[in-house]
Amino acid sequence: MLFALGLSTSLLLGAEGKVIKVLPHFVDFQGRHSLSPSLYERDAYQELLRNHPEKRAGMQFEVLWKVSGRFSGPLRLRMELRGTESGSLETVEMEVKRGFLGRRWSRVVLDSKQLARLGTVTAWKATLLDSKDPVTETHSFLW
């Protein structure tokens, strides 16, 4: 009975979502952001890539998001990025699928050409969309 009550409440309230976490990482020419699964090694490798731009092939943003309720269309994830180059703004959008219990990691990848147009990424905004309507968003401090 409580399950039925909870289900009907979520249908009445509509769909909800949340962008939980966004992790920006540089990637090397082999597509790696770390040399091993260790968080310490990941941070050390990111420091190396940050200090040696010639070793970077691009950048990726790993986004953890969750949704509940029903949606009218396909879910999309949009990343908007600002950089140090004058007037630079890049937008990358992709269709995403709902994960187990509505929670999922998605990876947004910037290639070297996109990164060159931006310069150094200074701010980002992640938006989860239901068709074209925003469900939720989060952004970096400098957005």
C-alpha atoms as a PDB file:
ATOM      1  CA  MET A   1       0.000   0.000   0.000  1.00  0.00           C
ATOM      2  CA  LEU A   2       2.832   2.423   0.815  1.00  0.00           C
ATOM      3  CA  PHE A   3       4.492   1.555  -2.512  1.00  0.00           C
ATOM      4  CA  ALA A   4       1.268   2.412  -4.403  1.00  0.00           C
ATOM      5  CA  LEU A   5       0.982   5.689  -2.498  1.00  0.00           C
ATOM      6  CA  GLY A   6       4.598   6.576  -3.305  1.00  0.00           C
ATOM      7  CA  LEU A   7       4.137   5.670  -6.958  1.00  0.00           C
ATOM      8  CA  SER A   8       1.014   7.792  -7.335  1.00  0.00           C
ATOM      9  CA  THR A   9       2.723  10.714  -5.576  1.00  0.00           C
ATOM     10  CA  SER A  10       5.665  10.640  -8.000  1.00  0.00           C
ATOM     11  CA  LEU A  11       3.273  10.556 -10.965  1.00  0.00           C
ATOM     12  CA  LEU A  12       1.340  13.532  -9.606  1.00  0.00           C
ATOM     13  CA  LEU A  13       4.473  15.542  -8.895  1.00  0.00           C
ATOM     14  CA  GLY A  14       5.981  14.780 -12.302  1.00  0.00           C
ATOM     15  CA  ALA A  15       9.517  14.024 -13.314  1.00  0.00           C
ATOM     16  CA  GLU A  16      12.465  15.133 -11.222  1.00  0.00           C
ATOM     17  CA  GLY A  17      16.188  14.993 -11.756  1.00  0.00           C
ATOM     18  CA  LYS A  18      19.522  16.017 -10.332  1.00  0.00           C
ATOM     19  CA  VAL A  19      23.045  16.398 -11.640  1.00  0.00           C
ATOM     20  CA  ILE A  20      24.996  14.996  -8.712  1.00  0.00           C
ATOM     21  CA  LYS A  21      28.620  15.359  -9.744  1.00  0.00           C
ATOM     22  CA  VAL A  22      30.744  16.615 -12.663  1.00  0.00           C
ATOM     23  CA  LEU A  23      34.388  15.530 -12.913  1.00  0.00           C
ATOM     24  CA  PRO A  24      36.520  17.341 -15.543  1.00  0.00           C
ATOM     25  CA  HIS A  25      39.643  15.470 -16.699  1.00  0.00           C
ATOM     26  CA  PHE A  26      42.300  15.999 -19.332  1.00  0.00           C
ATOM     27  CA  VAL A  27      42.945  12.971 -21.554  1.00  0.00           C
ATOM     28  CA  ASP A  28      46.169  11.871 -23.255  1.00  0.00           C
ATOM     29  CA  PHE A  29      46.591  10.625 -26.829  1.00  0.00           C
ATOM     30  CA  GLN A  30      45.545   7.101 -25.779  1.00  0.00           C
ATOM     31  CA  GLY A  31      42.292   8.472 -24.322  1.00  0.00           C
ATOM     32  CA  ARG A  32      43.403   7.900 -20.699  1.00  0.00           C
ATOM     33  CA  HIS A  33      42.761  10.300 -17.836  1.00  0.00           C
ATOM     34  CA  SER A  34      44.713   8.108 -15.392  1.00  0.00           C
ATOM     35  CA  LEU A  35      47.416   5.457 -15.640  1.00  0.00           C
ATOM     36  CA  SER A  36      45.842   3.240 -12.964  1.00  0.00           C
ATOM     37  CA  PRO A  37      42.578   3.002 -10.996  1.00  0.00           C
ATOM     38  CA  SER A  38      44.137   4.700  -7.959  1.00  0.00           C
ATOM     39  CA  LEU A  39      42.712   8.136  -7.124  1.00  0.00           C
ATOM     40  CA  TYR A  40      46.189   9.276  -6.105  1.00  0.00           C
ATOM     41  CA  GLU A  41      47.589   8.199  -9.484  1.00  0.00           C
ATOM     42  CA  ARG A  42      44.692   9.906 -11.277  1.00  0.00           C
ATOM     43  CA  ASP A  43      45.379  13.191  -9.493  1.00  0.00           C
ATOM     44  CA  ALA A  44      49.118  12.929 -10.181  1.00  0.00           C
ATOM     45  CA  TYR A  45      48.506  12.195 -13.884  1.00  0.00           C
ATOM     46  CA  GLN A  46      46.042  15.089 -14.137  1.00  0.00           C
ATOM     47  CA  GLU A  47      48.700  17.381 -12.654  1.00  0.00           C
ATOM     48  CA  LEU A  48      51.194  16.145 -15.268  1.00  0.00           C
ATOM     49  CA  LEU A  49      48.701  16.770 -18.111  1.00  0.00           C
ATOM     50  CA  ARG A  50      47.787  20.188 -16.690  1.00  0.00           C
ATOM     51  CA  ASN A  51      51.479  21.231 -16.641  1.00  0.00           C
ATOM     52  CA  HIS A  52      52.320  19.725 -20.077  1.00  0.00           C
ATOM     53  CA  PRO A  53      49.682  20.757 -22.656  1.00  0.00           C
ATOM     54  CA  GLU A  54      51.637  18.984 -25.425  1.00  0.00           C
ATOM     55  CA  LYS A  55      50.716  15.643 -23.810  1.00  0.00           C
ATOM     56  CA  ARG A  56      46.959  16.371 -23.858  1.00  0.00           C
ATOM     57  CA  ALA A  57      44.667  15.180 -26.634  1.00  0.00           C
ATOM     58  CA  GLY A  58      41.483  16.654 -25.221  1.00  0.00           C
ATOM     59  CA  MET A  59      39.255  16.792 -22.201  1.00  0.00           C
ATOM     60  CA  GLN A  60      36.351  14.790 -20.821  1.00  0.00           C
ATOM     61  CA  PHE A  61      33.616  15.513 -18.320  1.00  0.00           C
ATOM     62  CA  GLU A  62      32.173  12.591 -16.384  1.00  0.00           C
ATOM     63  CA  VAL A  63      28.688  13.492 -15.184  1.00  0.00           C
ATOM     64  CA  LEU A  64      26.731  11.577 -12.540  1.00  0.00           C
ATOM     65  CA  TRP A  65      22.999  12.262 -12.766  1.00  0.00           C
ATOM     66  CA  LYS A  66      19.742  10.714 -11.623  1.00  0.00           C
ATOM     67  CA  VAL A  67      16.086  10.990 -12.569  1.00  0.00           C
ATOM     68  CA  SER A  68      12.778   9.808 -11.185  1.00  0.00           C
ATOM     69  CA  GLY A  69       9.294   9.909 -12.628  1.00  0.00           C
ATOM     70  CA  ARG A  70       8.111   9.817 -16.207  1.00  0.00           C
ATOM     71  CA  PHE A  71       9.488  11.856 -19.081  1.00  0.00           C
ATOM     72  CA  SER A  72       7.728  12.888 -22.277  1.00  0.00           C
ATOM     73  CA  GLY A  73      10.697  12.349 -24.579  1.00  0.00           C
ATOM     74  CA  PRO A  74      14.306  11.196 -24.711  1.00  0.00           C
ATOM     75  CA  LEU A  75      16.715  12.462 -22.058  1.00  0.00           C
ATOM     76  CA  ARG A  76      19.605  14.629 -23.216  1.00  0.00           C
ATOM     77  CA  LEU A  77      22.707  15.906 -21.435  1.00  0.00           C
ATOM     78  CA  ARG A  78      24.071  19.301 -22.456  1.00  0.00           C
ATOM     79  CA  MET A  79      27.483  20.627 -21.418  1.00  0.00           C
ATOM     80  CA  GLU A  80      28.182  24.320 -21.983  1.00  0.00           C
ATOM     81  CA  LEU A  81      31.817  25.364 -21.608  1.00  0.00           C
ATOM     82  CA  ARG A  82      33.544  28.735 -21.398  1.00  0.00           C
ATOM     83  CA  GLY A  83      37.235  29.188 -22.017  1.00  0.00           C
ATOM     84  CA  THR A  84      40.015  31.746 -21.915  1.00  0.00           C
ATOM     85  CA  GLU A  85      39.890  32.480 -25.655  1.00  0.00           C
ATOM     86  CA  SER A  86      37.946  35.648 -26.435  1.00  0.00           C
ATOM     87  CA  GLY A  87      34.221  34.919 -26.741  1.00  0.00           C
ATOM     88  CA  SER A  88      34.767  31.183 -26.602  1.00  0.00           C
ATOM     89  CA  LEU A  89      31.741  29.039 -25.831  1.00  0.00           C
ATOM     90  CA  GLU A  90      31.326  25.357 -26.748  1.00  0.00           C
ATOM     91  CA  THR A  91      28.135  23.372 -26.345  1.00  0.00           C
ATOM     92  CA  VAL A  92      28.095  19.571 -26.517  1.00  0.00           C
ATOM     93  CA  GLU A  93      24.810  17.706 -26.313  1.00  0.00           C
ATOM     94  CA  MET A  94      24.130  13.983 -26.300  1.00  0.00           C
ATOM     95  CA  GLU A  95      21.248  11.594 -25.758  1.00  0.00           C
ATOM     96  CA  VAL A  96      21.497   9.582 -22.547  1.00  0.00           C
ATOM     97  CA  LYS A  97      19.646   6.550 -21.252  1.00  0.00           C
ATOM     98  CA  ARG A  98      18.288   6.095 -17.762  1.00  0.00           C
ATOM     99  CA  GLY A  99      20.408   3.799 -15.593  1.00  0.00           C
ATOM    100  CA  PHE A 100      19.605   1.369 -12.793  1.00  0.00           C
ATOM    101  CA  LEU A 101      17.353   3.155 -10.273  1.00  0.00           C
ATOM    102  CA  GLY A 102      17.452   6.206 -12.548  1.00  0.00           C
ATOM    103  CA  ARG A 103      21.144   6.900 -11.809  1.00  0.00           C
ATOM    104  CA  ARG A 104      23.922   6.929 -14.396  1.00  0.00           C
ATOM    105  CA  TRP A 105      27.393   8.200 -15.306  1.00  0.00           C
ATOM    106  CA  SER A 106      27.732   9.814 -18.747  1.00  0.00           C
ATOM    107  CA  ARG A 107      30.936  10.939 -20.433  1.00  0.00           C
ATOM    108  CA  VAL A 108      31.138  14.088 -22.560  1.00  0.00           C
ATOM    109  CA  VAL A 109      34.356  14.252 -24.605  1.00  0.00           C
ATOM    110  CA  LEU A 110      36.017  17.316 -26.134  1.00  0.00           C
ATOM    111  CA  ASP A 111      38.551  16.672 -28.867  1.00  0.00           C
ATOM    112  CA  SER A 112      41.734  18.713 -29.365  1.00  0.00           C
ATOM    113  CA  LYS A 113      40.083  21.076 -31.906  1.00  0.00           C
ATOM    114  CA  GLN A 114      37.252  21.971 -29.532  1.00  0.00           C
ATOM    115  CA  LEU A 115      39.731  22.447 -26.700  1.00  0.00           C
ATOM    116  CA  ALA A 116      41.919  24.691 -28.896  1.00  0.00           C
ATOM    117  CA  ARG A 117      38.906  26.904 -29.706  1.00  0.00           C
ATOM    118  CA  LEU A 118      38.157  27.240 -25.971  1.00  0.00           C
ATOM    119  CA  GLY A 119      41.655  27.628 -24.634  1.00  0.00           C
ATOM    120  CA  THR A 120      41.702  26.732 -20.957  1.00  0.00           C
ATOM    121  CA  VAL A 121      38.232  25.781 -19.707  1.00  0.00           C
ATOM    122  CA  THR A 122      37.291  28.280 -17.010  1.00  0.00           C
ATOM    123  CA  ALA A 123      33.628  27.415 -16.385  1.00  0.00           C
ATOM    124  CA  TRP A 124      31.018  24.795 -17.270  1.00  0.00           C
ATOM    125  CA  LYS A 125      27.297  24.148 -16.927  1.00  0.00           C
ATOM    126  CA  ALA A 126      25.670  20.683 -17.124  1.00  0.00           C
ATOM    127  CA  THR A 127      21.952  20.526 -17.967  1.00  0.00           C
ATOM    128  CA  LEU A 128      19.732  17.436 -18.097  1.00  0.00           C
ATOM    129  CA  LEU A 129      16.909  17.873 -20.602  1.00  0.00           C
ATOM    130  CA  ASP A 130      13.603  16.086 -21.230  1.00  0.00           C
ATOM    131  CA  SER A 131      13.351  16.550 -25.005  1.00  0.00           C
ATOM    132  CA  LYS A 132      14.068  20.320 -25.063  1.00  0.00           C
ATOM    133  CA  ASP A 133      12.860  21.235 -21.556  1.00  0.00           C
ATOM    134  CA  PRO A 134      15.433  21.515 -18.729  1.00  0.00           C
ATOM    135  CA  VAL A 135      14.885  19.063 -15.864  1.00  0.00           C
ATOM    136  CA  THR A 136      17.871  20.087 -13.743  1.00  0.00           C
ATOM    137  CA  GLU A 137      21.247  21.745 -14.045  1.00  0.00           C
ATOM    138  CA  THR A 138      24.392  22.492 -12.125  1.00  0.00           C
ATOM    139  CA  HIS A 139      27.378  24.670 -12.902  1.00  0.00           C
ATOM    140  CA  SER A 140      30.880  25.439 -11.796  1.00  0.00           C
ATOM    141  CA  PHE A 141      31.635  28.278  -9.398  1.00  0.00           C
ATOM    142  CA  LEU A 142      32.740  30.674 -12.152  1.00  0.00           C
ATOM    143  CA  TRP A 143      29.725  30.138 -14.422  1.00  0.00           C
END
